[in-house]
Amino acid sequence: MSVAILESLGSIELIVILLVIAIPLWAIISAVTIPESVWRAAGRSKTGWVVALVVTLPIGFGLIVALIYLIGVRPSLKGTGA
């Protein structure tokens, strides 16, 4: 993004853009750092979720997939020892 575009955005728009980028990045970092053994114990696919998070980030569905991961999948991983 150029500086002119950032300057034309209001505070709300800038916060929304940052959240749409930050939440999926948080989910990707979380998924990558949880050991494979924890994923297996929970019956989940680490590779599948990391690929889904990374692929959907630039096409606009990253926030939705990240929220599904953070709300539904991550708690089940934490319950198995992550």
Protein backbone atom coordinates (compact mmCIF):
# COMPACT_ATOMS: atom_id res chain seq x y z
CA MET A 1 0.00 0.00 0.00
CA SER A 2 1.24 3.43 -0.78
CA VAL A 3 1.43 6.13 1.86
CA ALA A 4 -1.30 8.13 0.11
CA ILE A 5 -3.74 5.24 0.45
CA LEU A 6 -2.92 4.79 4.14
CA GLU A 7 -3.33 8.52 4.76
CA SER A 8 -6.77 8.50 3.13
CA LEU A 9 -8.04 5.73 5.41
CA GLY A 10 -9.87 6.59 8.57
CA SER A 11 -9.03 5.08 11.93
CA ILE A 12 -11.80 2.48 11.74
CA GLU A 13 -10.78 1.29 8.28
CA LEU A 14 -7.13 1.02 9.31
CA ILE A 15 -8.04 -0.99 12.43
CA VAL A 16 -10.23 -3.34 10.36
CA ILE A 17 -7.45 -3.89 7.81
CA LEU A 18 -4.94 -4.60 10.56
CA LEU A 19 -7.29 -7.10 12.23
CA VAL A 20 -8.03 -8.85 8.94
CA ILE A 21 -4.29 -9.37 8.56
CA ALA A 22 -3.25 -9.84 12.21
CA ILE A 23 -5.80 -12.50 13.24
CA PRO A 24 -4.91 -14.91 10.40
CA LEU A 25 -1.19 -14.36 11.05
CA TRP A 26 -1.74 -15.16 14.73
CA ALA A 27 -3.58 -18.35 13.74
CA ILE A 28 -0.79 -19.38 11.35
CA ILE A 29 1.90 -18.83 13.99
CA SER A 30 -0.17 -20.73 16.54
CA ALA A 31 -0.76 -23.68 14.21
CA VAL A 32 2.89 -23.91 13.19
CA THR A 33 4.23 -23.81 16.75
CA ILE A 34 2.02 -26.59 18.13
CA PRO A 35 3.89 -29.92 17.92
CA GLU A 36 2.73 -32.54 15.43
CA SER A 37 2.19 -35.04 18.25
CA VAL A 38 -0.47 -32.79 19.80
CA TRP A 39 -2.26 -32.52 16.46
CA ARG A 40 -2.24 -36.31 16.10
CA ALA A 41 -3.50 -36.79 19.67
CA ALA A 42 -6.43 -34.48 18.87
CA GLY A 43 -7.14 -36.30 15.60
CA ARG A 44 -6.40 -33.20 13.51
CA SER A 45 -4.16 -32.54 10.51
CA LYS A 46 -1.48 -29.93 11.15
CA THR A 47 -0.49 -29.80 7.49
CA GLY A 48 -4.08 -29.37 6.36
CA TRP A 49 -4.80 -26.52 8.72
CA VAL A 50 -1.53 -24.69 8.07
CA VAL A 51 -2.06 -24.95 4.31
CA ALA A 52 -5.68 -23.78 4.65
CA LEU A 53 -4.63 -20.80 6.76
CA VAL A 54 -1.78 -19.78 4.46
CA VAL A 55 -3.69 -20.25 1.18
CA THR A 56 -6.81 -18.40 2.30
CA LEU A 57 -4.99 -15.40 3.78
CA PRO A 58 -4.35 -13.55 0.50
CA ILE A 59 -7.69 -14.41 -1.12
CA GLY A 60 -9.90 -12.85 1.54
CA PHE A 61 -11.14 -15.91 3.39
CA GLY A 62 -8.21 -15.91 5.80
CA LEU A 63 -10.13 -14.24 8.60
CA ILE A 64 -12.96 -16.78 8.41
CA VAL A 65 -10.64 -19.78 8.38
CA ALA A 66 -8.53 -18.24 11.15
CA LEU A 67 -11.59 -17.71 13.35
CA ILE A 68 -12.69 -21.31 12.77
CA TYR A 69 -9.21 -22.47 13.77
CA LEU A 70 -8.92 -20.17 16.80
CA ILE A 71 -12.43 -20.85 18.13
CA GLY A 72 -12.93 -24.49 17.17
CA VAL A 73 -9.65 -26.26 16.55
CA ARG A 74 -7.10 -24.57 18.81
CA PRO A 75 -9.06 -25.20 22.04
CA SER A 76 -9.22 -28.91 21.22
CA LEU A 77 -5.46 -28.91 20.72
CA LYS A 78 -4.91 -27.11 24.01
CA GLY A 79 -7.00 -29.79 25.72
CA THR A 80 -4.56 -32.46 24.55
CA GLY A 81 -1.45 -30.81 25.96
CA ALA A 82 -0.36 -28.01 23.66
